[in-house]
Amino acid sequence: MSEELVTVAVNAEVCIGSGQCEMLEEETFYVNEDTVIAEITGDGQLPLDRAQRCVDTCPAQAISIVSEDNRG
């Protein structure tokens, strides 16, 4: 059974650095201490359900799913 992977992105112009994304997915998101803006680490891919949870949890609505990767 394959998991549907998607790629997430952070809109730096609207990010408020709350850190919700980093708390949920610390291997994918990192809040830069200098800019106080979330950044993507690694390839930015997550299973769809986990990515959607990050999108839904972001108080600034700065996270989006930018592509789907169907790796059957």
Protein backbone atom coordinates (compact mmCIF):
# COMPACT_ATOMS: atom_id res chain seq x y z
CA MET A 1 0.00 0.00 0.00
CA SER A 2 1.48 3.34 -1.02
CA GLU A 3 0.96 6.60 0.77
CA GLU A 4 0.05 9.63 -1.28
CA LEU A 5 2.83 12.16 -0.77
CA VAL A 6 2.36 15.86 -1.32
CA THR A 7 4.75 18.79 -1.23
CA VAL A 8 4.07 21.66 1.15
CA ALA A 9 5.16 25.29 0.97
CA VAL A 10 5.22 28.27 3.32
CA ASN A 11 4.19 31.74 2.19
CA ALA A 12 6.82 33.85 3.97
CA GLU A 13 4.82 37.03 3.37
CA VAL A 14 1.96 35.88 5.61
CA CYS A 15 3.78 33.58 8.07
CA ILE A 16 3.69 34.86 11.65
CA GLY A 17 6.13 32.30 13.05
CA SER A 18 3.73 30.74 15.53
CA GLY A 19 5.54 27.41 15.27
CA GLN A 20 2.45 25.21 15.00
CA CYS A 21 3.86 23.58 11.87
CA GLU A 22 7.20 22.90 13.52
CA MET A 23 5.48 21.33 16.52
CA LEU A 24 3.45 19.04 14.24
CA GLU A 25 6.19 18.13 11.74
CA GLU A 26 9.60 19.09 13.11
CA GLU A 27 11.43 17.23 10.36
CA THR A 28 9.64 19.23 7.65
CA PHE A 29 9.26 22.72 9.14
CA TYR A 30 11.70 24.95 10.96
CA VAL A 31 10.99 28.42 12.35
CA ASN A 32 14.08 30.51 11.63
CA GLU A 33 15.08 32.34 14.81
CA ASP A 34 16.42 35.35 12.89
CA THR A 35 13.46 35.95 10.59
CA VAL A 36 10.78 34.31 12.77
CA ILE A 37 9.39 32.72 9.61
CA ALA A 38 8.80 29.04 8.99
CA GLU A 39 10.96 27.35 6.39
CA ILE A 40 10.79 23.95 4.72
CA THR A 41 13.54 21.49 5.50
CA GLY A 42 14.36 18.53 3.31
CA ASP A 43 12.13 17.86 0.33
CA GLY A 44 8.97 19.24 1.96
CA GLN A 45 7.00 16.07 1.31
CA LEU A 46 4.46 14.64 3.71
CA PRO A 47 1.63 12.14 3.52
CA LEU A 48 -1.52 13.97 2.44
CA ASP A 49 -3.32 13.63 5.79
CA ARG A 50 -0.37 15.05 7.76
CA ALA A 51 0.14 17.87 5.26
CA GLN A 52 -3.53 18.79 5.46
CA ARG A 53 -3.33 18.88 9.26
CA CYS A 54 -0.49 21.42 9.00
CA VAL A 55 -2.47 23.52 6.51
CA ASP A 56 -5.53 23.45 8.77
CA THR A 57 -3.55 24.25 11.94
CA CYS A 58 -1.59 27.25 10.67
CA PRO A 59 -3.15 30.36 12.27
CA ALA A 60 -1.90 32.61 9.46
CA GLN A 61 -2.93 30.23 6.67
CA ALA A 62 0.65 30.43 5.38
CA ILE A 63 1.02 26.73 4.54
CA SER A 64 -0.22 25.24 1.32
CA ILE A 65 -0.05 21.99 -0.57
CA VAL A 66 1.69 22.82 -3.83
CA SER A 67 1.87 19.46 -5.58
CA GLU A 68 0.88 15.88 -5.32
CA ASP A 69 3.36 13.13 -5.98
CA ASN A 70 1.76 9.80 -6.82
CA ARG A 71 4.60 7.37 -6.28
CA GLY A 72 2.67 4.18 -6.85
